[in-house]
PDB file of N, CA and C in Angstrom:
ATOM      1  N   MET A   1       5.157  15.460  -3.267  1.00  0.00           N
ATOM      2  CA  MET A   1       6.421  13.982  -3.381  1.00  0.00           C
ATOM      3  C   MET A   1       7.520  14.761  -3.837  1.00  0.00           C
ATOM      4  N   GLU A   2       7.002  16.071  -4.423  1.00  0.00           N
ATOM      5  CA  GLU A   2       8.816  16.683  -4.580  1.00  0.00           C
ATOM      6  C   GLU A   2       9.872  17.129  -3.304  1.00  0.00           C
ATOM      7  N   LYS A   3       8.779  17.026  -2.053  1.00  0.00           N
ATOM      8  CA  LYS A   3       9.555  17.720  -1.016  1.00  0.00           C
ATOM      9  C   LYS A   3      10.544  16.341  -0.627  1.00  0.00           C
ATOM     10  N   LEU A   4       9.566  15.343  -0.343  1.00  0.00           N
ATOM     11  CA  LEU A   4      10.376  14.223  -0.264  1.00  0.00           C
ATOM     12  C   LEU A   4      11.368  13.798  -1.552  1.00  0.00           C
ATOM     13  N   GLN A   5      11.385  14.083  -2.028  1.00  0.00           N
ATOM     14  CA  GLN A   5      12.636  13.150  -3.033  1.00  0.00           C
ATOM     15  C   GLN A   5      13.545  14.745  -2.839  1.00  0.00           C
ATOM     16  N   LYS A   6      13.394  15.543  -2.944  1.00  0.00           N
ATOM     17  CA  LYS A   6      13.893  17.475  -2.574  1.00  0.00           C
ATOM     18  C   LYS A   6      14.819  16.818  -0.916  1.00  0.00           C
ATOM     19  N   ASN A   7      13.480  16.539  -0.216  1.00  0.00           N
ATOM     20  CA  ASN A   7      14.561  16.593   1.486  1.00  0.00           C
ATOM     21  C   ASN A   7      15.304  15.418   1.438  1.00  0.00           C
ATOM     22  N   PHE A   8      15.151  14.339   0.790  1.00  0.00           N
ATOM     23  CA  PHE A   8      15.490  13.038   1.575  1.00  0.00           C
ATOM     24  C   PHE A   8      16.086  12.105  -0.033  1.00  0.00           C
ATOM     25  N   ALA A   9      15.229  12.462  -0.549  1.00  0.00           N
ATOM     26  CA  ALA A   9      16.270  11.234  -1.515  1.00  0.00           C
ATOM     27  C   ALA A   9      15.177  10.282  -2.058  1.00  0.00           C
ATOM     28  N   LEU A  10      13.504  10.412  -1.495  1.00  0.00           N
ATOM     29  CA  LEU A  10      12.768   9.399  -1.412  1.00  0.00           C
ATOM     30  C   LEU A  10      12.460   9.112  -2.580  1.00  0.00           C
ATOM     31  N   THR A  11      12.083   7.860  -2.647  1.00  0.00           N
ATOM     32  CA  THR A  11      11.211   7.685  -4.312  1.00  0.00           C
ATOM     33  C   THR A  11       9.486   7.676  -4.261  1.00  0.00           C
ATOM     34  N   PRO A  12       8.808   8.065  -3.139  1.00  0.00           N
ATOM     35  CA  PRO A  12       7.280   7.642  -3.427  1.00  0.00           C
ATOM     36  C   PRO A  12       6.473   6.818  -4.510  1.00  0.00           C
ATOM     37  N   GLU A  13       6.044   5.790  -3.505  1.00  0.00           N
ATOM     38  CA  GLU A  13       5.182   5.208  -4.685  1.00  0.00           C
ATOM     39  C   GLU A  13       3.333   5.187  -4.170  1.00  0.00           C
ATOM     40  N   LEU A  14       3.061   5.937  -5.492  1.00  0.00           N
ATOM     41  CA  LEU A  14       1.256   6.401  -5.126  1.00  0.00           C
ATOM     42  C   LEU A  14       0.999   4.304  -5.523  1.00  0.00           C
ATOM     43  N   ILE A  15      -0.131   4.372  -4.559  1.00  0.00           N
ATOM     44  CA  ILE A  15      -0.763   2.995  -4.834  1.00  0.00           C
ATOM     45  C   ILE A  15      -1.888   3.152  -4.514  1.00  0.00           C
ATOM     46  N   PRO A  16      -3.259   4.128  -5.194  1.00  0.00           N
ATOM     47  CA  PRO A  16      -4.040   4.100  -6.296  1.00  0.00           C
ATOM     48  C   PRO A  16      -5.498   2.836  -4.815  1.00  0.00           C
ATOM     49  N   GLY A  17      -6.505   3.990  -4.208  1.00  0.00           N
ATOM     50  CA  GLY A  17      -6.719   3.075  -2.870  1.00  0.00           C
ATOM     51  C   GLY A  17      -8.443   3.082  -3.348  1.00  0.00           C
ATOM     52  N   ARG A  18     -10.017   2.964  -1.686  1.00  0.00           N
ATOM     53  CA  ARG A  18     -10.561   3.592  -1.911  1.00  0.00           C
ATOM     54  C   ARG A  18     -11.543   4.188  -0.721  1.00  0.00           C
ATOM     55  N   ASN A  19     -11.933   4.083  -0.692  1.00  0.00           N
ATOM     56  CA  ASN A  19     -12.493   5.107   0.814  1.00  0.00           C
ATOM     57  C   ASN A  19     -12.361   6.368   0.673  1.00  0.00           C
ATOM     58  N   GLY A  20     -11.388   6.967   0.186  1.00  0.00           N
ATOM     59  CA  GLY A  20     -10.616   7.895   0.451  1.00  0.00           C
ATOM     60  C   GLY A  20      -9.627   8.163   1.471  1.00  0.00           C
ATOM     61  N   VAL A  21      -8.865   6.855   1.194  1.00  0.00           N
ATOM     62  CA  VAL A  21      -7.872   6.866   2.398  1.00  0.00           C
ATOM     63  C   VAL A  21      -6.794   7.370   1.133  1.00  0.00           C
ATOM     64  N   PHE A  22      -6.088   8.199   2.884  1.00  0.00           N
ATOM     65  CA  PHE A  22      -4.397   8.391   2.765  1.00  0.00           C
ATOM     66  C   PHE A  22      -3.523   7.868   4.151  1.00  0.00           C
ATOM     67  N   ASP A  23      -3.020   7.089   3.063  1.00  0.00           N
ATOM     68  CA  ASP A  23      -1.592   6.803   4.663  1.00  0.00           C
ATOM     69  C   ASP A  23       0.112   6.632   3.843  1.00  0.00           C
ATOM     70  N   VAL A  24       0.562   7.434   4.717  1.00  0.00           N
ATOM     71  CA  VAL A  24       1.787   7.517   4.359  1.00  0.00           C
ATOM     72  C   VAL A  24       2.668   6.087   5.032  1.00  0.00           C
ATOM     73  N   ARG A  25       3.228   5.067   4.204  1.00  0.00           N
ATOM     74  CA  ARG A  25       4.141   4.577   5.086  1.00  0.00           C
ATOM     75  C   ARG A  25       5.660   4.610   4.621  1.00  0.00           C
ATOM     76  N   LEU A  26       6.469   4.168   6.086  1.00  0.00           N
ATOM     77  CA  LEU A  26       8.354   5.014   5.782  1.00  0.00           C
ATOM     78  C   LEU A  26       8.415   3.381   6.358  1.00  0.00           C
ATOM     79  N   ASP A  27       9.638   2.203   5.378  1.00  0.00           N
ATOM     80  CA  ASP A  27      10.069   0.959   5.800  1.00  0.00           C
ATOM     81  C   ASP A  27       9.233   0.467   6.320  1.00  0.00           C
ATOM     82  N   ASP A  28       7.859   0.003   5.702  1.00  0.00           N
ATOM     83  CA  ASP A  28       6.832  -0.619   6.151  1.00  0.00           C
ATOM     84  C   ASP A  28       6.064   0.386   7.933  1.00  0.00           C
ATOM     85  N   GLU A  29       6.532   0.581   8.337  1.00  0.00           N
ATOM     86  CA  GLU A  29       6.090   2.033   9.431  1.00  0.00           C
ATOM     87  C   GLU A  29       4.732   2.868   9.019  1.00  0.00           C
ATOM     88  N   MET A  30       3.101   2.501   9.874  1.00  0.00           N
ATOM     89  CA  MET A  30       2.200   3.564   9.219  1.00  0.00           C
ATOM     90  C   MET A  30       2.928   4.791  10.107  1.00  0.00           C
ATOM     91  N   ILE A  31       3.566   6.027   9.149  1.00  0.00           N
ATOM     92  CA  ILE A  31       3.717   7.409   9.808  1.00  0.00           C
ATOM     93  C   ILE A  31       2.738   8.611   9.849  1.00  0.00           C
ATOM     94  N   PHE A  32       1.212   8.359   9.027  1.00  0.00           N
ATOM     95  CA  PHE A  32       0.128   9.159   8.863  1.00  0.00           C
ATOM     96  C   PHE A  32      -1.146   8.247   8.564  1.00  0.00           C
ATOM     97  N   SER A  33      -1.878   8.293   8.992  1.00  0.00           N
ATOM     98  CA  SER A  33      -2.896   7.726   8.746  1.00  0.00           C
ATOM     99  C   SER A  33      -4.956   8.587   9.121  1.00  0.00           C
ATOM    100  N   LYS A  34      -5.261   9.464   7.388  1.00  0.00           N
ATOM    101  CA  LYS A  34      -6.400  10.513   7.272  1.00  0.00           C
ATOM    102  C   LYS A  34      -7.296   9.688   8.178  1.00  0.00           C
ATOM    103  N   HIS A  35      -7.155   7.757   7.546  1.00  0.00           N
ATOM    104  CA  HIS A  35      -8.527   7.137   8.613  1.00  0.00           C
ATOM    105  C   HIS A  35      -8.094   7.857   9.588  1.00  0.00           C
ATOM    106  N   GLU A  36      -6.714   7.470  11.020  1.00  0.00           N
ATOM    107  CA  GLU A  36      -6.687   7.124  12.493  1.00  0.00           C
ATOM    108  C   GLU A  36      -6.881   9.077  12.491  1.00  0.00           C
ATOM    109  N   LEU A  37      -6.680   9.711  11.758  1.00  0.00           N
ATOM    110  CA  LEU A  37      -6.729  11.196  12.044  1.00  0.00           C
ATOM    111  C   LEU A  37      -7.634  11.820  12.395  1.00  0.00           C
ATOM    112  N   GLY A  38      -8.428  11.304  10.750  1.00  0.00           N
ATOM    113  CA  GLY A  38      -9.561  11.983  10.355  1.00  0.00           C
ATOM    114  C   GLY A  38      -9.404  13.247   9.232  1.00  0.00           C
ATOM    115  N   ARG A  39      -8.487  13.647   8.964  1.00  0.00           N
ATOM    116  CA  ARG A  39      -8.669  14.914   8.707  1.00  0.00           C
ATOM    117  C   ARG A  39      -6.582  14.861   7.737  1.00  0.00           C
ATOM    118  N   PHE A  40      -6.200  15.103   6.138  1.00  0.00           N
ATOM    119  CA  PHE A  40      -5.240  15.343   5.488  1.00  0.00           C
ATOM    120  C   PHE A  40      -4.233  15.562   6.723  1.00  0.00           C
ATOM    121  N   PRO A  41      -2.919  15.035   5.746  1.00  0.00           N
ATOM    122  CA  PRO A  41      -1.177  16.158   7.108  1.00  0.00           C
ATOM    123  C   PRO A  41      -1.555  17.255   6.465  1.00  0.00           C
ATOM    124  N   GLU A  42      -0.759  18.192   7.057  1.00  0.00           N
ATOM    125  CA  GLU A  42      -0.559  19.693   6.981  1.00  0.00           C
ATOM    126  C   GLU A  42       0.515  18.940   6.305  1.00  0.00           C
ATOM    127  N   GLU A  43       0.696  20.798   5.734  1.00  0.00           N
ATOM    128  CA  GLU A  43       1.883  21.097   4.490  1.00  0.00           C
ATOM    129  C   GLU A  43       3.111  20.567   5.848  1.00  0.00           C
ATOM    130  N   ASN A  44       3.667  20.325   4.877  1.00  0.00           N
ATOM    131  CA  ASN A  44       5.223  19.891   5.305  1.00  0.00           C
ATOM    132  C   ASN A  44       5.065  18.877   6.840  1.00  0.00           C
ATOM    133  N   GLU A  45       4.535  18.625   7.385  1.00  0.00           N
ATOM    134  CA  GLU A  45       3.815  17.504   7.964  1.00  0.00           C
ATOM    135  C   GLU A  45       5.202  16.465   7.969  1.00  0.00           C
ATOM    136  N   ILE A  46       4.362  15.908   6.630  1.00  0.00           N
ATOM    137  CA  ILE A  46       4.510  13.822   6.369  1.00  0.00           C
ATOM    138  C   ILE A  46       6.948  14.252   6.937  1.00  0.00           C
ATOM    139  N   VAL A  47       6.829  15.152   6.037  1.00  0.00           N
ATOM    140  CA  VAL A  47       8.263  16.138   5.843  1.00  0.00           C
ATOM    141  C   VAL A  47       9.291  15.837   7.426  1.00  0.00           C
ATOM    142  N   GLU A  48       8.051  16.634   8.468  1.00  0.00           N
ATOM    143  CA  GLU A  48       8.613  16.679   9.585  1.00  0.00           C
ATOM    144  C   GLU A  48       8.876  15.444  10.330  1.00  0.00           C
ATOM    145  N   ILE A  49       7.999  14.023  10.104  1.00  0.00           N
ATOM    146  CA  ILE A  49       7.968  13.157  11.012  1.00  0.00           C
ATOM    147  C   ILE A  49       9.100  12.442  10.190  1.00  0.00           C
ATOM    148  N   ILE A  50       9.174  12.438   9.242  1.00  0.00           N
ATOM    149  CA  ILE A  50      10.254  11.471   8.289  1.00  0.00           C
ATOM    150  C   ILE A  50      11.510  12.364   9.198  1.00  0.00           C
ATOM    151  N   LYS A  51      11.572  13.607   9.131  1.00  0.00           N
ATOM    152  CA  LYS A  51      12.906  13.767   9.783  1.00  0.00           C
ATOM    153  C   LYS A  51      13.152  13.155  10.874  1.00  0.00           C
ATOM    154  N   ALA A  52      12.494  13.549  11.407  1.00  0.00           N
ATOM    155  CA  ALA A  52      12.594  12.974  12.963  1.00  0.00           C
ATOM    156  C   ALA A  52      12.488  11.476  13.528  1.00  0.00           C
ATOM    157  N   ARG A  53      12.166  11.054  12.622  1.00  0.00           N
ATOM    158  CA  ARG A  53      12.123   9.927  12.549  1.00  0.00           C
ATOM    159  C   ARG A  53      13.365   9.282  11.923  1.00  0.00           C
ATOM    160  N   THR A  54      14.187   9.291  11.310  1.00  0.00           N
ATOM    161  CA  THR A  54      15.782   9.423  10.460  1.00  0.00           C
ATOM    162  C   THR A  54      16.813  10.077  10.821  1.00  0.00           C
ATOM    163  N   SER A  55      16.286  10.980  11.969  1.00  0.00           N
ATOM    164  CA  SER A  55      17.119  12.184  12.371  1.00  0.00           C
ATOM    165  C   SER A  55      17.727  11.770  14.779  1.00  0.00           C
TER     166      SER A  55
END
């Protein structure tokens, strides 16, 4: 979360889920889904996805 705040001035919101759900959305668009990919994101992966979508 700190990297998102530092790199993009974003304030992430954590929403409790169930069954190991870990989804990341940016402006209502799913940019990462643990359920779809079967894994957690690699270090800096979310930052890189956001950079690619906002540049």
